[in-house]
């Protein structure tokens, strides 16, 4: 995760990033498929962009802990231009949601295991 300052337009930055990805061996043969490198532009100031090849802010960034966690480390007070919430707030909300889901999953596990007998409980 990096934060940069640039004079490039968002479109030119995307072009530059894609050239860099290509140089490192990125192949774009399968949409959503595995890739050697993937560089996304998450936020570009307060700009909102919705084009065929570029959407800013990144439309799924607020749903992904693996994106929010490192972003929170370098820019916790950056405000998502659509959701009007800081990265720290988005991370905290997603983390709490994730933990609730985990606890709910465990609750179902505990209920399911109760019918397995005493042998299982000894583990």
C-alpha atoms as a PDB file:
ATOM      1  CA  UNK A   1       0.000   0.000   0.000  1.00  0.00           C
ATOM      2  CA  UNK A   2       1.431   3.369  -0.980  1.00  0.00           C
ATOM      3  CA  UNK A   3       0.268   6.945  -0.915  1.00  0.00           C
ATOM      4  CA  UNK A   4       1.636   9.210  -3.623  1.00  0.00           C
ATOM      5  CA  UNK A   5       1.434  12.799  -4.724  1.00  0.00           C
ATOM      6  CA  UNK A   6       1.246  13.287  -8.475  1.00  0.00           C
ATOM      7  CA  UNK A   7       0.497  15.848 -11.138  1.00  0.00           C
ATOM      8  CA  UNK A   8      -0.876  13.107 -13.399  1.00  0.00           C
ATOM      9  CA  UNK A   9      -4.579  12.998 -14.120  1.00  0.00           C
ATOM     10  CA  UNK A  10      -6.326   9.908 -12.746  1.00  0.00           C
ATOM     11  CA  UNK A  11      -6.576   8.528 -16.294  1.00  0.00           C
ATOM     12  CA  UNK A  12      -2.860   9.099 -16.972  1.00  0.00           C
ATOM     13  CA  UNK A  13      -1.987   7.582 -13.593  1.00  0.00           C
ATOM     14  CA  UNK A  14      -4.019   4.480 -14.487  1.00  0.00           C
ATOM     15  CA  UNK A  15      -2.186   4.255 -17.809  1.00  0.00           C
ATOM     16  CA  UNK A  16       1.170   4.538 -16.031  1.00  0.00           C
ATOM     17  CA  UNK A  17       0.231   1.939 -13.410  1.00  0.00           C
ATOM     18  CA  UNK A  18      -0.955  -0.501 -16.072  1.00  0.00           C
ATOM     19  CA  UNK A  19       2.315  -0.072 -17.981  1.00  0.00           C
ATOM     20  CA  UNK A  20       4.163  -0.862 -14.757  1.00  0.00           C
ATOM     21  CA  UNK A  21       1.991  -3.956 -14.191  1.00  0.00           C
ATOM     22  CA  UNK A  22       2.639  -5.117 -17.757  1.00  0.00           C
ATOM     23  CA  UNK A  23       6.389  -4.679 -17.266  1.00  0.00           C
ATOM     24  CA  UNK A  24       6.163  -6.957 -14.224  1.00  0.00           C
ATOM     25  CA  UNK A  25       4.339  -9.652 -16.195  1.00  0.00           C
ATOM     26  CA  UNK A  26       0.680  -8.933 -15.523  1.00  0.00           C
ATOM     27  CA  UNK A  27      -1.599 -10.745 -17.965  1.00  0.00           C
ATOM     28  CA  UNK A  28      -5.210  -9.654 -18.363  1.00  0.00           C
ATOM     29  CA  UNK A  29      -6.596 -12.817 -19.939  1.00  0.00           C
ATOM     30  CA  UNK A  30      -9.175 -13.712 -17.258  1.00  0.00           C
ATOM     31  CA  UNK A  31     -11.320 -11.122 -15.513  1.00  0.00           C
ATOM     32  CA  UNK A  32     -11.073 -11.570 -11.711  1.00  0.00           C
ATOM     33  CA  UNK A  33      -8.485 -14.275 -12.320  1.00  0.00           C
ATOM     34  CA  UNK A  34      -5.126 -14.780 -10.600  1.00  0.00           C
ATOM     35  CA  UNK A  35      -2.462 -12.230 -11.407  1.00  0.00           C
ATOM     36  CA  UNK A  36       1.188 -11.644 -10.704  1.00  0.00           C
ATOM     37  CA  UNK A  37       0.539  -8.051  -9.615  1.00  0.00           C
ATOM     38  CA  UNK A  38      -2.516  -5.867  -9.159  1.00  0.00           C
ATOM     39  CA  UNK A  39      -2.246  -2.143  -8.510  1.00  0.00           C
ATOM     40  CA  UNK A  40      -5.475  -0.291  -7.808  1.00  0.00           C
ATOM     41  CA  UNK A  41      -6.155   3.406  -7.449  1.00  0.00           C
ATOM     42  CA  UNK A  42      -8.351   3.530  -4.371  1.00  0.00           C
ATOM     43  CA  UNK A  43      -8.925   7.251  -3.874  1.00  0.00           C
ATOM     44  CA  UNK A  44      -7.783  10.292  -5.819  1.00  0.00           C
ATOM     45  CA  UNK A  45      -8.370  13.251  -3.544  1.00  0.00           C
ATOM     46  CA  UNK A  46     -12.064  14.046  -3.450  1.00  0.00           C
ATOM     47  CA  UNK A  47     -12.654  13.116  -7.074  1.00  0.00           C
ATOM     48  CA  UNK A  48     -15.497  10.883  -8.179  1.00  0.00           C
ATOM     49  CA  UNK A  49     -14.889   9.111 -11.476  1.00  0.00           C
ATOM     50  CA  UNK A  50     -17.102   6.550 -13.161  1.00  0.00           C
ATOM     51  CA  UNK A  51     -15.761   5.562 -16.560  1.00  0.00           C
ATOM     52  CA  UNK A  52     -15.474   2.301 -18.441  1.00  0.00           C
ATOM     53  CA  UNK A  53     -11.846   1.766 -17.416  1.00  0.00           C
ATOM     54  CA  UNK A  54     -11.666   3.742 -14.182  1.00  0.00           C
ATOM     55  CA  UNK A  55     -13.849   4.058 -11.104  1.00  0.00           C
ATOM     56  CA  UNK A  56     -12.734   6.225  -8.204  1.00  0.00           C
ATOM     57  CA  UNK A  57     -13.112   5.676  -5.364  1.00  0.00           C
ATOM     58  CA  UNK A  58     -12.552   1.974  -5.820  1.00  0.00           C
ATOM     59  CA  UNK A  59     -16.074   0.525  -5.647  1.00  0.00           C
ATOM     60  CA  UNK A  60     -15.221  -2.347  -3.286  1.00  0.00           C
ATOM     61  CA  UNK A  61     -12.519  -0.875  -1.076  1.00  0.00           C
ATOM     62  CA  UNK A  62     -14.873  -0.291   1.850  1.00  0.00           C
ATOM     63  CA  UNK A  63     -15.889  -3.973   1.786  1.00  0.00           C
ATOM     64  CA  UNK A  64     -12.380  -5.425   2.031  1.00  0.00           C
ATOM     65  CA  UNK A  65     -10.480  -5.648   5.288  1.00  0.00           C
ATOM     66  CA  UNK A  66      -7.314  -6.585   3.385  1.00  0.00           C
ATOM     67  CA  UNK A  67      -7.530  -3.165   1.713  1.00  0.00           C
ATOM     68  CA  UNK A  68      -8.751  -1.108   4.661  1.00  0.00           C
ATOM     69  CA  UNK A  69      -6.222  -2.387   7.188  1.00  0.00           C
ATOM     70  CA  UNK A  70      -3.037  -1.219   5.418  1.00  0.00           C
ATOM     71  CA  UNK A  71      -4.790   1.922   4.189  1.00  0.00           C
ATOM     72  CA  UNK A  72      -5.696   2.729   7.783  1.00  0.00           C
ATOM     73  CA  UNK A  73      -2.018   2.436   8.709  1.00  0.00           C
ATOM     74  CA  UNK A  74      -0.892   5.077   6.217  1.00  0.00           C
ATOM     75  CA  UNK A  75      -3.975   7.298   5.890  1.00  0.00           C
ATOM     76  CA  UNK A  76      -6.472   6.722   8.702  1.00  0.00           C
ATOM     77  CA  UNK A  77      -8.105  10.143   8.388  1.00  0.00           C
ATOM     78  CA  UNK A  78      -8.649  10.154   4.636  1.00  0.00           C
ATOM     79  CA  UNK A  79     -12.353  10.566   3.967  1.00  0.00           C
ATOM     80  CA  UNK A  80     -14.104   8.301   1.488  1.00  0.00           C
ATOM     81  CA  UNK A  81     -15.614  10.819  -0.944  1.00  0.00           C
ATOM     82  CA  UNK A  82     -18.893   8.923  -1.368  1.00  0.00           C
ATOM     83  CA  UNK A  83     -19.458   7.428   2.073  1.00  0.00           C
ATOM     84  CA  UNK A  84     -18.182  10.545   3.891  1.00  0.00           C
ATOM     85  CA  UNK A  85     -16.423   8.384   6.492  1.00  0.00           C
ATOM     86  CA  UNK A  86     -12.766   8.119   7.392  1.00  0.00           C
ATOM     87  CA  UNK A  87     -10.757   5.052   6.502  1.00  0.00           C
ATOM     88  CA  UNK A  88     -10.444   4.373  10.239  1.00  0.00           C
ATOM     89  CA  UNK A  89     -14.249   4.382  10.627  1.00  0.00           C
ATOM     90  CA  UNK A  90     -14.720   2.125   7.603  1.00  0.00           C
ATOM     91  CA  UNK A  91     -12.111  -0.291   8.947  1.00  0.00           C
ATOM     92  CA  UNK A  92     -13.620  -0.334  12.447  1.00  0.00           C
ATOM     93  CA  UNK A  93     -17.108  -0.976  11.043  1.00  0.00           C
ATOM     94  CA  UNK A  94     -15.947  -3.770   8.743  1.00  0.00           C
ATOM     95  CA  UNK A  95     -13.832  -5.340  11.477  1.00  0.00           C
ATOM     96  CA  UNK A  96     -16.789  -5.342  13.901  1.00  0.00           C
ATOM     97  CA  UNK A  97     -19.047  -6.791  11.194  1.00  0.00           C
ATOM     98  CA  UNK A  98     -16.477  -9.491  10.491  1.00  0.00           C
ATOM     99  CA  UNK A  99     -16.156 -10.377  14.181  1.00  0.00           C
ATOM    100  CA  UNK A 100     -19.951 -10.555  14.578  1.00  0.00           C
ATOM    101  CA  UNK A 101     -20.147 -12.919  11.616  1.00  0.00           C
ATOM    102  CA  UNK A 102     -17.397 -15.055  13.129  1.00  0.00           C
ATOM    103  CA  UNK A 103     -19.193 -15.259  16.474  1.00  0.00           C
ATOM    104  CA  UNK A 104     -22.463 -16.141  14.722  1.00  0.00           C
ATOM    105  CA  UNK A 105     -20.666 -18.900  12.805  1.00  0.00           C
ATOM    106  CA  UNK A 106     -19.254 -20.282  16.048  1.00  0.00           C
ATOM    107  CA  UNK A 107     -22.691 -20.202  17.638  1.00  0.00           C
ATOM    108  CA  UNK A 108     -24.009 -22.410  14.828  1.00  0.00           C
ATOM    109  CA  UNK A 109     -21.000 -24.682  15.240  1.00  0.00           C
ATOM    110  CA  UNK A 110     -21.666 -25.090  18.963  1.00  0.00           C
ATOM    111  CA  UNK A 111     -25.325 -25.911  18.315  1.00  0.00           C
ATOM    112  CA  UNK A 112     -24.417 -28.417  15.615  1.00  0.00           C
ATOM    113  CA  UNK A 113     -21.810 -30.212  17.675  1.00  0.00           C
ATOM    114  CA  UNK A 114     -24.142 -30.764  20.642  1.00  0.00           C
ATOM    115  CA  UNK A 115     -25.724 -33.728  18.895  1.00  0.00           C
ATOM    116  CA  UNK A 116     -22.417 -35.504  18.295  1.00  0.00           C
ATOM    117  CA  UNK A 117     -22.225 -37.240  21.659  1.00  0.00           C
ATOM    118  CA  UNK A 118     -19.979 -37.331  24.655  1.00  0.00           C
ATOM    119  CA  UNK A 119     -16.900 -38.570  22.774  1.00  0.00           C
ATOM    120  CA  UNK A 120     -16.717 -35.339  20.841  1.00  0.00           C
ATOM    121  CA  UNK A 121     -16.990 -33.236  24.011  1.00  0.00           C
ATOM    122  CA  UNK A 122     -13.885 -34.892  25.478  1.00  0.00           C
ATOM    123  CA  UNK A 123     -11.715 -33.342  22.774  1.00  0.00           C
END
